[in-house]
Amino acid sequence: MAKVKIQGHSSGTGILTVTAPNTSTDRTITLPDATGTLLNSDGDGSSLTGVGGDLSFGGDTFGADKTIGSNDTYSLSFETDGTERLQLHSDGRGLSQFTAKAWCKWNANTTSSNVTYGHNVSSVSYVSAGHWRVNYTNNLTYNYSAQITCEDNGGRNTTFRVGEFELSYCGVYITNMSQSGAVANIACFTAFGE
């Protein structure tokens, strides 16, 4: 049978007191089968070996895919120099100054909303000939920029621009010089901001 030994420090003079909590339930504390230092609940781990520094998995190379995260609805944040640089939300959005707040791709040669690919875009609404509205799933702030590009249909001198920078949507305009209305098989929208 293994034994538990409590040993005093040869030069210390303080008294170490182990105090039971206020509980009526039996508890079992299982010690790890290893040599090391236990971390207090109010400690920061700075004195422990293998804690802090560069993040690594299994040495110098990954060797396989790794997962960092949790199964709850909290966000995961990354900081450098005490400043948050990237926040990953449970709905899949990555919020930072360098990630797109919203993007989508759709067929602008029709009056129906048909987003084929996108992120943080609930739909693209047809407003009128050449006028569309990109609707956000999660509102943006007013401090964002938006861009639109498109593939014209048959070289009809298609022009495009953005407008109506709203919290819940952004208006886009796709027209051509040859005929009225929008003539673009593929339209792509991207928004960056705070």
C-alpha atoms as a PDB file:
ATOM      1  CA  MET A   1       0.000   0.000   0.000  1.00  0.00           C
ATOM      2  CA  ALA A   2       1.343   3.457  -0.962  1.00  0.00           C
ATOM      3  CA  LYS A   3       1.706   5.939   1.873  1.00  0.00           C
ATOM      4  CA  VAL A   4       1.254   9.697   2.182  1.00  0.00           C
ATOM      5  CA  LYS A   5       4.103  11.534   3.904  1.00  0.00           C
ATOM      6  CA  ILE A   6       3.986  15.162   5.035  1.00  0.00           C
ATOM      7  CA  GLN A   7       7.505  16.521   5.474  1.00  0.00           C
ATOM      8  CA  GLY A   8       8.500  19.843   6.968  1.00  0.00           C
ATOM      9  CA  HIS A   9      11.080  22.194   5.482  1.00  0.00           C
ATOM     10  CA  SER A  10      14.486  22.162   7.195  1.00  0.00           C
ATOM     11  CA  SER A  11      14.909  25.951   7.302  1.00  0.00           C
ATOM     12  CA  GLY A  12      11.297  27.126   7.421  1.00  0.00           C
ATOM     13  CA  THR A  13       9.670  28.308  10.645  1.00  0.00           C
ATOM     14  CA  GLY A  14       6.080  28.770   9.517  1.00  0.00           C
ATOM     15  CA  ILE A  15       3.259  26.383  10.339  1.00  0.00           C
ATOM     16  CA  LEU A  16       1.408  24.766   7.443  1.00  0.00           C
ATOM     17  CA  THR A  17      -2.238  24.155   8.294  1.00  0.00           C
ATOM     18  CA  VAL A  18      -4.454  21.857   6.250  1.00  0.00           C
ATOM     19  CA  THR A  19      -8.064  22.890   6.893  1.00  0.00           C
ATOM     20  CA  ALA A  20     -11.159  20.905   6.003  1.00  0.00           C
ATOM     21  CA  PRO A  21     -13.953  22.757   4.170  1.00  0.00           C
ATOM     22  CA  ASN A  22     -17.401  23.284   5.652  1.00  0.00           C
ATOM     23  CA  THR A  23     -19.001  20.210   4.080  1.00  0.00           C
ATOM     24  CA  SER A  24     -20.987  17.164   5.159  1.00  0.00           C
ATOM     25  CA  THR A  25     -19.958  15.178   2.092  1.00  0.00           C
ATOM     26  CA  ASP A  26     -17.013  12.796   1.993  1.00  0.00           C
ATOM     27  CA  ARG A  27     -14.321  13.950  -0.441  1.00  0.00           C
ATOM     28  CA  THR A  28     -11.339  12.195  -1.977  1.00  0.00           C
ATOM     29  CA  ILE A  29      -8.241  14.022  -3.203  1.00  0.00           C
ATOM     30  CA  THR A  30      -6.195  11.923  -5.611  1.00  0.00           C
ATOM     31  CA  LEU A  31      -2.571  12.939  -6.011  1.00  0.00           C
ATOM     32  CA  PRO A  32      -0.919  12.567  -9.429  1.00  0.00           C
ATOM     33  CA  ASP A  33       1.583   9.747  -9.937  1.00  0.00           C
ATOM     34  CA  ALA A  34       4.360  12.226 -10.722  1.00  0.00           C
ATOM     35  CA  THR A  35       6.807  14.596  -9.086  1.00  0.00           C
ATOM     36  CA  GLY A  36       5.812  18.241  -9.274  1.00  0.00           C
ATOM     37  CA  THR A  37       4.446  21.302  -7.530  1.00  0.00           C
ATOM     38  CA  LEU A  38       0.746  21.789  -6.829  1.00  0.00           C
ATOM     39  CA  LEU A  39      -0.762  25.077  -7.948  1.00  0.00           C
ATOM     40  CA  ASN A  40      -2.914  27.084  -5.533  1.00  0.00           C
ATOM     41  CA  SER A  41      -6.266  28.395  -6.701  1.00  0.00           C
ATOM     42  CA  ASP A  42      -4.910  31.953  -6.282  1.00  0.00           C
ATOM     43  CA  GLY A  43      -1.623  31.243  -8.106  1.00  0.00           C
ATOM     44  CA  ASP A  44      -0.728  32.277 -11.652  1.00  0.00           C
ATOM     45  CA  GLY A  45       1.443  29.280 -12.488  1.00  0.00           C
ATOM     46  CA  SER A  46       4.545  31.407 -13.088  1.00  0.00           C
ATOM     47  CA  SER A  47       6.710  29.224 -10.857  1.00  0.00           C
ATOM     48  CA  LEU A  48       5.675  25.961 -12.501  1.00  0.00           C
ATOM     49  CA  THR A  49       7.765  24.333 -15.200  1.00  0.00           C
ATOM     50  CA  GLY A  50       6.170  23.707 -18.568  1.00  0.00           C
ATOM     51  CA  VAL A  51       3.602  26.486 -18.077  1.00  0.00           C
ATOM     52  CA  GLY A  52       3.667  29.696 -20.084  1.00  0.00           C
ATOM     53  CA  GLY A  53       5.988  30.575 -22.927  1.00  0.00           C
ATOM     54  CA  ASP A  54       5.270  29.464 -26.472  1.00  0.00           C
ATOM     55  CA  LEU A  55       2.297  27.185 -27.029  1.00  0.00           C
ATOM     56  CA  SER A  56       3.308  23.814 -28.425  1.00  0.00           C
ATOM     57  CA  PHE A  57       1.900  20.341 -28.799  1.00  0.00           C
ATOM     58  CA  GLY A  58       4.043  17.249 -28.597  1.00  0.00           C
ATOM     59  CA  GLY A  59       7.409  18.925 -29.143  1.00  0.00           C
ATOM     60  CA  ASP A  60       8.584  20.791 -32.218  1.00  0.00           C
ATOM     61  CA  THR A  61       6.021  19.428 -34.694  1.00  0.00           C
ATOM     62  CA  PHE A  62       2.280  18.898 -34.436  1.00  0.00           C
ATOM     63  CA  GLY A  63       2.234  15.470 -36.074  1.00  0.00           C
ATOM     64  CA  ALA A  64      -1.577  15.539 -36.133  1.00  0.00           C
ATOM     65  CA  ASP A  65      -4.506  17.944 -35.983  1.00  0.00           C
ATOM     66  CA  LYS A  66      -5.083  19.508 -32.546  1.00  0.00           C
ATOM     67  CA  THR A  67      -8.179  21.120 -31.068  1.00  0.00           C
ATOM     68  CA  ILE A  68      -8.192  24.073 -28.680  1.00  0.00           C
ATOM     69  CA  GLY A  69     -11.534  25.122 -27.267  1.00  0.00           C
ATOM     70  CA  SER A  70     -14.495  24.114 -25.187  1.00  0.00           C
ATOM     71  CA  ASN A  71     -18.015  22.795 -25.490  1.00  0.00           C
ATOM     72  CA  ASP A  72     -19.771  25.843 -24.042  1.00  0.00           C
ATOM     73  CA  THR A  73     -21.020  29.112 -25.556  1.00  0.00           C
ATOM     74  CA  TYR A  74     -18.186  31.298 -24.287  1.00  0.00           C
ATOM     75  CA  SER A  75     -15.776  33.073 -26.613  1.00  0.00           C
ATOM     76  CA  LEU A  76     -12.083  32.319 -26.962  1.00  0.00           C
ATOM     77  CA  SER A  77      -9.785  35.357 -27.021  1.00  0.00           C
ATOM     78  CA  PHE A  78      -6.173  35.805 -28.098  1.00  0.00           C
ATOM     79  CA  GLU A  79      -4.070  38.615 -26.653  1.00  0.00           C
ATOM     80  CA  THR A  80      -0.604  39.989 -27.276  1.00  0.00           C
ATOM     81  CA  ASP A  81       1.049  42.676 -25.150  1.00  0.00           C
ATOM     82  CA  GLY A  82      -2.089  42.863 -22.986  1.00  0.00           C
ATOM     83  CA  THR A  83      -4.372  43.751 -25.923  1.00  0.00           C
ATOM     84  CA  GLU A  84      -7.062  41.493 -27.354  1.00  0.00           C
ATOM     85  CA  ARG A  85      -6.252  40.780 -31.013  1.00  0.00           C
ATOM     86  CA  LEU A  86      -8.780  38.093 -31.959  1.00  0.00           C
ATOM     87  CA  GLN A  87     -11.988  36.780 -30.408  1.00  0.00           C
ATOM     88  CA  LEU A  88     -13.592  33.560 -31.623  1.00  0.00           C
ATOM     89  CA  HIS A  89     -17.324  33.382 -30.885  1.00  0.00           C
ATOM     90  CA  SER A  90     -19.346  30.221 -30.364  1.00  0.00           C
ATOM     91  CA  ASP A  91     -21.336  30.994 -33.546  1.00  0.00           C
ATOM     92  CA  GLY A  92     -18.165  30.712 -35.641  1.00  0.00           C
ATOM     93  CA  ARG A  93     -17.351  34.375 -36.115  1.00  0.00           C
ATOM     94  CA  GLY A  94     -13.777  35.553 -35.637  1.00  0.00           C
ATOM     95  CA  LEU A  95     -13.764  39.207 -34.601  1.00  0.00           C
ATOM     96  CA  SER A  96     -10.629  41.281 -35.092  1.00  0.00           C
ATOM     97  CA  GLN A  97      -9.344  44.180 -37.154  1.00  0.00           C
ATOM     98  CA  PHE A  98      -7.983  41.733 -39.739  1.00  0.00           C
ATOM     99  CA  THR A  99     -10.925  39.358 -40.260  1.00  0.00           C
ATOM    100  CA  ALA A 100     -13.961  40.002 -42.459  1.00  0.00           C
ATOM    101  CA  LYS A 101     -17.072  40.900 -40.484  1.00  0.00           C
ATOM    102  CA  ALA A 102     -19.280  39.674 -43.316  1.00  0.00           C
ATOM    103  CA  TRP A 103     -18.919  38.311 -46.849  1.00  0.00           C
ATOM    104  CA  CYS A 104     -21.084  36.608 -49.418  1.00  0.00           C
ATOM    105  CA  LYS A 105     -21.405  35.510 -53.039  1.00  0.00           C
ATOM    106  CA  TRP A 106     -24.664  35.467 -54.977  1.00  0.00           C
ATOM    107  CA  ASN A 107     -26.210  35.556 -58.456  1.00  0.00           C
ATOM    108  CA  ALA A 108     -27.160  39.170 -59.170  1.00  0.00           C
ATOM    109  CA  ASN A 109     -28.758  38.330 -62.535  1.00  0.00           C
ATOM    110  CA  THR A 110     -32.066  37.448 -60.876  1.00  0.00           C
ATOM    111  CA  THR A 111     -34.562  39.071 -58.490  1.00  0.00           C
ATOM    112  CA  SER A 112     -34.483  36.250 -55.929  1.00  0.00           C
ATOM    113  CA  SER A 113     -32.134  36.007 -52.982  1.00  0.00           C
ATOM    114  CA  ASN A 114     -29.757  33.141 -53.583  1.00  0.00           C
ATOM    115  CA  VAL A 115     -26.620  33.421 -51.471  1.00  0.00           C
ATOM    116  CA  THR A 116     -24.388  30.535 -52.487  1.00  0.00           C
ATOM    117  CA  TYR A 117     -21.606  31.169 -49.960  1.00  0.00           C
ATOM    118  CA  GLY A 118     -21.292  33.564 -47.064  1.00  0.00           C
ATOM    119  CA  HIS A 119     -20.440  34.420 -43.485  1.00  0.00           C
ATOM    120  CA  ASN A 120     -22.532  36.593 -41.149  1.00  0.00           C
ATOM    121  CA  VAL A 121     -24.972  37.280 -44.015  1.00  0.00           C
ATOM    122  CA  SER A 122     -28.543  36.121 -43.492  1.00  0.00           C
ATOM    123  CA  SER A 123     -29.747  37.023 -46.993  1.00  0.00           C
ATOM    124  CA  VAL A 124     -29.344  39.340 -49.972  1.00  0.00           C
ATOM    125  CA  SER A 125     -32.578  41.175 -50.770  1.00  0.00           C
ATOM    126  CA  TYR A 126     -33.550  42.454 -54.207  1.00  0.00           C
ATOM    127  CA  VAL A 127     -34.776  46.046 -53.778  1.00  0.00           C
ATOM    128  CA  SER A 128     -35.160  47.264 -57.353  1.00  0.00           C
ATOM    129  CA  ALA A 129     -33.408  47.001 -60.706  1.00  0.00           C
ATOM    130  CA  GLY A 130     -29.703  47.099 -59.946  1.00  0.00           C
ATOM    131  CA  HIS A 131     -30.236  47.672 -56.195  1.00  0.00           C
ATOM    132  CA  TRP A 132     -29.556  44.929 -53.640  1.00  0.00           C
ATOM    133  CA  ARG A 133     -29.341  44.849 -49.865  1.00  0.00           C
ATOM    134  CA  VAL A 134     -26.855  42.585 -48.039  1.00  0.00           C
ATOM    135  CA  ASN A 135     -28.477  41.731 -44.680  1.00  0.00           C
ATOM    136  CA  TYR A 136     -26.208  40.842 -41.751  1.00  0.00           C
ATOM    137  CA  THR A 137     -26.913  37.991 -39.346  1.00  0.00           C
ATOM    138  CA  ASN A 138     -25.174  39.942 -36.551  1.00  0.00           C
ATOM    139  CA  ASN A 139     -25.217  43.739 -36.780  1.00  0.00           C
ATOM    140  CA  LEU A 140     -22.006  45.632 -37.507  1.00  0.00           C
ATOM    141  CA  THR A 141     -20.952  48.974 -36.094  1.00  0.00           C
ATOM    142  CA  TYR A 142     -20.962  52.051 -38.302  1.00  0.00           C
ATOM    143  CA  ASN A 143     -17.159  51.898 -38.414  1.00  0.00           C
ATOM    144  CA  TYR A 144     -16.843  49.445 -41.297  1.00  0.00           C
ATOM    145  CA  SER A 145     -15.850  49.480 -44.924  1.00  0.00           C
ATOM    146  CA  ALA A 146     -17.441  47.398 -47.659  1.00  0.00           C
ATOM    147  CA  GLN A 147     -16.414  46.343 -51.126  1.00  0.00           C
ATOM    148  CA  ILE A 148     -18.252  44.667 -53.973  1.00  0.00           C
ATOM    149  CA  THR A 149     -16.953  43.037 -57.127  1.00  0.00           C
ATOM    150  CA  CYS A 150     -18.835  41.214 -59.826  1.00  0.00           C
ATOM    151  CA  GLU A 151     -18.512  39.247 -63.010  1.00  0.00           C
ATOM    152  CA  ASP A 152     -20.505  40.917 -65.770  1.00  0.00           C
ATOM    153  CA  ASN A 153     -22.703  38.952 -68.123  1.00  0.00           C
ATOM    154  CA  GLY A 154     -21.534  39.289 -71.716  1.00  0.00           C
ATOM    155  CA  GLY A 155     -19.229  42.318 -71.420  1.00  0.00           C
ATOM    156  CA  ARG A 156     -21.936  44.938 -70.945  1.00  0.00           C
ATOM    157  CA  ASN A 157     -19.724  47.479 -69.121  1.00  0.00           C
ATOM    158  CA  THR A 158     -21.032  46.582 -65.693  1.00  0.00           C
ATOM    159  CA  THR A 159     -20.510  49.106 -62.893  1.00  0.00           C
ATOM    160  CA  PHE A 160     -20.889  48.479 -59.183  1.00  0.00           C
ATOM    161  CA  ARG A 161     -20.727  50.413 -55.924  1.00  0.00           C
ATOM    162  CA  VAL A 162     -21.770  50.199 -52.259  1.00  0.00           C
ATOM    163  CA  GLY A 163     -23.913  52.568 -50.227  1.00  0.00           C
ATOM    164  CA  GLU A 164     -26.350  52.660 -47.279  1.00  0.00           C
ATOM    165  CA  PHE A 165     -23.847  51.658 -44.587  1.00  0.00           C
ATOM    166  CA  GLU A 166     -26.370  50.568 -41.959  1.00  0.00           C
ATOM    167  CA  LEU A 167     -25.943  48.448 -38.818  1.00  0.00           C
ATOM    168  CA  SER A 168     -28.053  45.570 -40.130  1.00  0.00           C
ATOM    169  CA  TYR A 169     -27.407  45.809 -43.874  1.00  0.00           C
ATOM    170  CA  CYS A 170     -25.429  47.460 -46.654  1.00  0.00           C
ATOM    171  CA  GLY A 171     -26.870  48.538 -49.992  1.00  0.00           C
ATOM    172  CA  VAL A 172     -25.110  47.574 -53.208  1.00  0.00           C
ATOM    173  CA  TYR A 173     -25.744  48.801 -56.761  1.00  0.00           C
ATOM    174  CA  ILE A 174     -24.925  46.827 -59.895  1.00  0.00           C
ATOM    175  CA  THR A 175     -25.790  48.376 -63.251  1.00  0.00           C
ATOM    176  CA  ASN A 176     -24.541  48.383 -66.831  1.00  0.00           C
ATOM    177  CA  MET A 177     -24.268  50.856 -69.660  1.00  0.00           C
ATOM    178  CA  SER A 178     -26.065  48.723 -72.263  1.00  0.00           C
ATOM    179  CA  GLN A 179     -29.418  48.030 -70.654  1.00  0.00           C
ATOM    180  CA  SER A 180     -31.349  48.746 -67.473  1.00  0.00           C
ATOM    181  CA  GLY A 181     -31.103  46.583 -64.388  1.00  0.00           C
ATOM    182  CA  ALA A 182     -28.387  44.411 -62.956  1.00  0.00           C
ATOM    183  CA  VAL A 183     -26.423  42.180 -65.256  1.00  0.00           C
ATOM    184  CA  ALA A 184     -23.972  40.166 -63.186  1.00  0.00           C
ATOM    185  CA  ASN A 185     -23.853  36.415 -62.925  1.00  0.00           C
ATOM    186  CA  ILE A 186     -21.667  36.476 -59.803  1.00  0.00           C
ATOM    187  CA  ALA A 187     -21.499  39.276 -57.224  1.00  0.00           C
ATOM    188  CA  CYS A 188     -19.139  39.189 -54.223  1.00  0.00           C
ATOM    189  CA  PHE A 189     -19.426  41.391 -51.120  1.00  0.00           C
ATOM    190  CA  THR A 190     -16.990  41.841 -48.217  1.00  0.00           C
ATOM    191  CA  ALA A 191     -17.143  44.042 -45.106  1.00  0.00           C
ATOM    192  CA  PHE A 192     -14.325  44.799 -42.668  1.00  0.00           C
ATOM    193  CA  GLY A 193     -14.483  46.969 -39.560  1.00  0.00           C
ATOM    194  CA  GLU A 194     -14.803  47.121 -35.796  1.00  0.00           C
END
